């Protein structure tokens, strides 16, 4: 009687608390199993997995994996450091959770294309994207399809000035520190890998430096075509504009300043002719 009660007693799975099925082999009593068939299959599959994903990882992704590419990149790097999982595995899980970035499928209008043509080369792609209320990636791809360059041309970078003047960036940095050459910061997140090229130099400030410190320039190193265009054309226009503005304000020293600028300009022309 007692043996029959033990034989008919239902065993429960230790993981899901469901009834454990009897053995499927004929003429054999059920084994003393701790888990049901479903839980046993899941445990075997989990034991063969190379990477183990936990539920708290899903919660972390849902709470932090959003925003732009820079933020998502930082979240991925932190998860890689803390979990040891590869990047592709985390991104695949984020895609299953529906956390990937959605592409902007809106068609481009003629007005938006006109804004891009007017602003490209003057401001960054990020600024244009904020103006158009689109993603930065969408604007960058559109600029590439239009065959335009998104490089900001409003002034010269440190590397541009190195190539034009034929001088090392250490010497240009010394001019900046001495207060001879004025620069502007681009406000970009640069790092050591790309030389921290955060400087922006305007033409009028370069001309002002050439006018006040012509002895610092080695005419044998400069780009001759760029130098002639800058000094002889742009320099004369900026000098005339400055003299006219000061004259309109009643500044008596405007003519002397314009003559001094013309004298420095002629001195540079003579040195080039030599």
Protein backbone atom coordinates (compact mmCIF):
# COMPACT_ATOMS: atom_id res chain seq x y z
CA UNK A 1 0.00 0.00 0.00
CA UNK A 2 2.79 2.37 0.90
CA UNK A 3 4.75 1.44 -2.23
CA UNK A 4 1.74 2.16 -4.42
CA UNK A 5 1.33 5.63 -2.80
CA UNK A 6 4.98 6.46 -3.46
CA UNK A 7 4.67 5.26 -7.05
CA UNK A 8 1.58 7.35 -7.74
CA UNK A 9 2.94 10.50 -6.04
CA UNK A 10 3.48 13.34 -8.52
CA UNK A 11 6.92 14.87 -8.54
CA UNK A 12 7.25 18.62 -9.18
CA UNK A 13 9.94 20.42 -11.11
CA UNK A 14 12.32 22.37 -8.89
CA UNK A 15 12.52 25.21 -11.40
CA UNK A 16 8.97 25.79 -12.72
CA UNK A 17 7.00 23.72 -10.16
CA UNK A 18 5.16 21.83 -12.87
CA UNK A 19 4.57 18.06 -12.87
CA UNK A 20 7.48 15.97 -14.08
CA UNK A 21 6.47 13.70 -16.93
CA UNK A 22 6.97 9.95 -16.60
CA UNK A 23 9.74 8.22 -18.46
CA UNK A 24 9.00 7.63 -22.12
CA UNK A 25 10.90 4.36 -22.37
CA UNK A 26 8.69 1.25 -22.37
CA UNK A 27 8.57 -1.09 -19.41
CA UNK A 28 10.77 1.27 -17.36
CA UNK A 29 9.70 3.21 -14.26
CA UNK A 30 10.09 7.05 -14.28
CA UNK A 31 13.52 8.31 -13.28
CA UNK A 32 14.14 10.37 -10.19
CA UNK A 33 14.33 13.63 -12.18
CA UNK A 34 14.53 17.06 -10.54
CA UNK A 35 13.31 19.04 -13.59
CA UNK A 36 10.64 18.60 -16.24
CA UNK A 37 11.49 17.93 -19.88
CA UNK A 38 11.22 21.58 -20.87
CA UNK A 39 13.44 22.86 -18.08
CA UNK A 40 15.98 20.10 -18.76
CA UNK A 41 16.17 21.13 -22.42
CA UNK A 42 16.65 24.78 -21.46
CA UNK A 43 19.36 23.93 -18.96
CA UNK A 44 21.24 21.84 -21.52
CA UNK A 45 20.98 24.65 -24.07
CA UNK A 46 22.16 27.20 -21.50
CA UNK A 47 25.11 25.00 -20.57
CA UNK A 48 26.25 24.93 -24.20
CA UNK A 49 26.00 28.70 -24.67
CA UNK A 50 29.25 30.61 -25.12
CA UNK A 51 27.83 33.86 -23.74
CA UNK A 52 25.34 34.11 -20.87
CA UNK A 53 22.89 37.00 -20.92
CA UNK A 54 21.23 38.11 -17.70
CA UNK A 55 17.96 39.91 -17.11
CA UNK A 56 19.66 42.90 -15.49
CA UNK A 57 21.48 43.54 -18.76
CA UNK A 58 18.11 44.06 -20.45
CA UNK A 59 17.10 46.54 -17.78
CA UNK A 60 20.35 48.45 -18.21
CA UNK A 61 19.93 48.63 -21.99
CA UNK A 62 16.33 49.81 -21.73
CA UNK A 63 17.35 52.53 -19.28
CA UNK A 64 20.50 53.85 -20.99
CA UNK A 65 20.68 52.71 -24.63
CA UNK A 66 19.10 55.69 -26.38
CA UNK A 67 20.09 59.01 -27.94
CA UNK A 68 22.82 59.66 -30.48
CA UNK A 69 25.73 57.56 -31.65
CA UNK A 70 28.15 59.02 -29.12
CA UNK A 71 25.95 58.12 -26.14
CA UNK A 72 25.24 54.63 -27.46
CA UNK A 73 28.95 54.09 -28.04
CA UNK A 74 29.69 54.97 -24.40
CA UNK A 75 26.96 52.62 -23.13
CA UNK A 76 28.35 49.76 -25.25
CA UNK A 77 31.89 50.35 -24.00
CA UNK A 78 30.73 50.30 -20.38
CA UNK A 79 28.82 47.05 -20.85
CA UNK A 80 31.81 45.46 -22.59
CA UNK A 81 34.06 46.38 -19.66
CA UNK A 82 31.64 45.16 -16.98
CA UNK A 83 30.24 42.00 -18.63
CA UNK A 84 33.03 40.87 -20.95
CA UNK A 85 30.51 40.29 -23.74
CA UNK A 86 31.47 41.20 -27.34
CA UNK A 87 30.10 44.32 -28.97
CA UNK A 88 28.16 42.47 -31.69
CA UNK A 89 26.36 40.33 -29.09
CA UNK A 90 25.17 43.36 -27.10
CA UNK A 91 24.02 45.18 -30.25
CA UNK A 92 22.16 42.09 -31.40
CA UNK A 93 20.34 41.91 -28.07
CA UNK A 94 19.53 45.64 -28.27
CA UNK A 95 18.03 45.06 -31.74
CA UNK A 96 15.82 42.27 -30.36
CA UNK A 97 14.61 44.66 -27.66
CA UNK A 98 13.74 47.27 -30.31
CA UNK A 99 16.32 49.80 -29.09
CA UNK A 100 18.15 50.41 -32.37
CA UNK A 101 18.09 53.78 -34.10
CA UNK A 102 15.33 54.17 -36.67
CA UNK A 103 16.19 55.66 -40.04
CA UNK A 104 14.55 58.88 -41.11
CA UNK A 105 12.41 57.90 -44.10
CA UNK A 106 11.05 61.38 -44.80
CA UNK A 107 11.68 62.54 -48.37
CA UNK A 108 13.90 65.57 -48.85
CA UNK A 109 12.10 68.71 -49.92
CA UNK A 110 13.44 71.43 -52.23
CA UNK A 111 13.53 73.89 -49.32
CA UNK A 112 15.71 71.55 -47.23
CA UNK A 113 18.09 70.99 -50.13
CA UNK A 114 18.37 74.76 -50.58
CA UNK A 115 19.21 75.20 -46.88
CA UNK A 116 21.93 72.56 -47.15
CA UNK A 117 23.44 74.23 -50.23
CA UNK A 118 23.45 77.57 -48.42
CA UNK A 119 24.91 76.36 -45.11
CA UNK A 120 27.28 73.56 -46.13
CA UNK A 121 30.88 74.60 -45.72
CA UNK A 122 29.89 77.42 -43.35
CA UNK A 123 28.56 75.47 -40.37
CA UNK A 124 28.87 71.88 -39.23
CA UNK A 125 26.53 69.05 -40.24
CA UNK A 126 25.28 68.92 -36.64
CA UNK A 127 24.12 72.54 -36.83
CA UNK A 128 22.37 71.88 -40.15
CA UNK A 129 20.63 68.82 -38.68
CA UNK A 130 19.30 70.90 -35.77
CA UNK A 131 18.03 73.51 -38.24
CA UNK A 132 16.24 70.88 -40.33
CA UNK A 133 15.17 68.78 -37.32
CA UNK A 134 16.79 65.68 -38.78
CA UNK A 135 19.48 63.33 -37.55
CA UNK A 136 23.12 64.22 -38.15
CA UNK A 137 23.68 60.95 -40.04
CA UNK A 138 20.82 61.75 -42.42
CA UNK A 139 22.29 65.17 -43.21
CA UNK A 140 25.80 63.77 -43.72
CA UNK A 141 24.53 61.13 -46.16
CA UNK A 142 22.52 63.74 -48.07
CA UNK A 143 25.58 65.98 -48.40
CA UNK A 144 27.58 63.04 -49.75
CA UNK A 145 24.87 62.21 -52.30
CA UNK A 146 24.89 65.85 -53.44
CA UNK A 147 28.63 65.58 -54.06
CA UNK A 148 29.45 68.42 -51.64
CA UNK A 149 32.12 68.70 -48.97
CA UNK A 150 30.93 69.24 -45.41
CA UNK A 151 34.26 70.69 -44.32
CA UNK A 152 33.77 74.09 -42.70
CA UNK A 153 35.58 76.71 -44.79
CA UNK A 154 35.00 79.71 -42.54
CA UNK A 155 38.65 80.23 -41.74
CA UNK A 156 41.70 77.96 -41.52
CA UNK A 157 42.47 75.09 -39.17
CA UNK A 158 45.87 74.57 -37.61
CA UNK A 159 46.79 72.02 -40.28
CA UNK A 160 45.62 74.34 -43.07
CA UNK A 161 47.82 77.11 -41.71
CA UNK A 162 50.78 74.74 -41.43
CA UNK A 163 50.48 73.85 -45.12
CA UNK A 164 49.98 77.45 -46.25
CA UNK A 165 52.77 79.02 -44.20
CA UNK A 166 55.12 76.03 -44.26
CA UNK A 167 55.63 76.24 -40.49
CA UNK A 168 55.34 73.68 -37.71
CA UNK A 169 52.33 73.80 -35.37
CA UNK A 170 54.66 74.40 -32.41
CA UNK A 171 55.72 77.72 -33.92
CA UNK A 172 52.13 78.70 -34.68
CA UNK A 173 51.18 77.80 -31.12
CA UNK A 174 53.95 80.10 -29.89
CA UNK A 175 52.46 82.95 -31.94
CA UNK A 176 49.10 82.29 -30.28
CA UNK A 177 50.58 82.20 -26.78
CA UNK A 178 52.43 85.47 -27.41
CA UNK A 179 49.18 87.12 -28.48
CA UNK A 180 50.43 87.80 -32.00
CA UNK A 181 47.93 85.55 -33.79
CA UNK A 182 44.33 85.38 -32.65
CA UNK A 183 42.47 82.07 -32.88
CA UNK A 184 38.96 80.78 -32.23
CA UNK A 185 37.95 77.45 -30.75
CA UNK A 186 35.67 75.23 -32.82
CA UNK A 187 34.04 73.60 -29.81
CA UNK A 188 34.60 70.07 -31.12
CA UNK A 189 35.51 67.02 -29.07
CA UNK A 190 38.94 66.32 -30.47
CA UNK A 191 41.50 63.90 -29.02
CA UNK A 192 45.18 63.03 -29.36
CA UNK A 193 44.48 60.73 -32.30
CA UNK A 194 43.63 63.64 -34.60
CA UNK A 195 46.04 66.17 -33.16
CA UNK A 196 43.53 68.21 -31.14
CA UNK A 197 42.95 70.46 -34.16
CA UNK A 198 40.45 72.75 -32.45
CA UNK A 199 41.76 76.07 -33.76
CA UNK A 200 40.12 78.25 -36.38
CA UNK A 201 41.90 81.26 -37.92
CA UNK A 202 40.14 83.94 -39.95
CA UNK A 203 41.73 85.71 -42.90
CA UNK A 204 41.60 89.15 -41.37
CA UNK A 205 43.42 87.89 -38.26
CA UNK A 206 46.10 86.22 -40.39
CA UNK A 207 46.54 89.49 -42.30
CA UNK A 208 46.79 91.41 -39.05
CA UNK A 209 49.54 89.03 -37.91
CA UNK A 210 51.41 89.45 -41.22
CA UNK A 211 51.14 93.22 -40.96
CA UNK A 212 52.48 93.40 -37.42
CA UNK A 213 55.06 90.58 -37.54
CA UNK A 214 56.35 90.13 -41.11
CA UNK A 215 59.75 89.03 -39.79
CA UNK A 216 58.21 85.76 -38.55
CA UNK A 217 57.31 84.61 -42.08
CA UNK A 218 59.76 82.68 -44.24
CA UNK A 219 58.73 83.50 -47.81
CA UNK A 220 60.64 80.50 -49.12
CA UNK A 221 58.27 78.12 -47.30
CA UNK A 222 54.87 79.70 -47.90
CA UNK A 223 52.45 78.62 -50.61
CA UNK A 224 53.08 81.39 -53.18
CA UNK A 225 49.64 81.31 -54.85
CA UNK A 226 47.78 81.32 -51.54
CA UNK A 227 50.01 84.07 -50.16
CA UNK A 228 49.55 86.36 -53.16
CA UNK A 229 45.80 85.85 -53.14
CA UNK A 230 45.60 86.53 -49.40
CA UNK A 231 47.88 89.57 -49.23
CA UNK A 232 47.32 91.33 -52.56
CA UNK A 233 43.57 90.76 -52.97
CA UNK A 234 41.93 90.04 -49.64
CA UNK A 235 44.38 92.22 -47.75
CA UNK A 236 43.60 95.27 -49.86
CA UNK A 237 39.85 94.76 -49.49
CA UNK A 238 40.04 94.35 -45.73
CA UNK A 239 42.40 97.31 -45.41
CA UNK A 240 40.11 99.58 -47.43
CA UNK A 241 37.07 98.46 -45.48
CA UNK A 242 38.80 99.09 -42.15
CA UNK A 243 40.02 102.51 -43.25
CA UNK A 244 36.56 103.49 -44.52
CA UNK A 245 34.89 102.39 -41.29
CA UNK A 246 37.34 104.33 -39.14
CA UNK A 247 37.02 107.37 -41.36
CA UNK A 248 33.26 107.28 -41.00
CA UNK A 249 33.66 107.36 -37.22
CA UNK A 250 35.92 110.36 -37.43
CA UNK A 251 39.12 108.60 -36.51
CA UNK A 252 42.01 110.79 -37.58
CA UNK A 253 44.47 107.92 -37.51
CA UNK A 254 42.58 105.85 -40.12
CA UNK A 255 44.60 107.19 -43.05
CA UNK A 256 47.88 106.60 -41.24
CA UNK A 257 46.79 103.04 -40.44
CA UNK A 258 45.85 102.40 -44.10
CA UNK A 259 49.18 103.82 -45.27
CA UNK A 260 51.02 101.68 -42.77
CA UNK A 261 49.14 98.60 -44.02
CA UNK A 262 49.99 99.52 -47.62
CA UNK A 263 53.63 99.98 -46.68
CA UNK A 264 53.79 96.53 -45.09
CA UNK A 265 52.02 95.06 -48.11
CA UNK A 266 54.52 96.63 -50.53
CA UNK A 267 57.39 95.34 -48.41
CA UNK A 268 56.03 91.81 -48.69
CA UNK A 269 55.69 92.22 -52.47
CA UNK A 270 59.34 93.29 -52.75
CA UNK A 271 60.44 90.29 -50.70
CA UNK A 272 58.42 87.99 -52.94
CA UNK A 273 59.98 89.51 -56.05
CA UNK A 274 63.42 88.78 -54.68
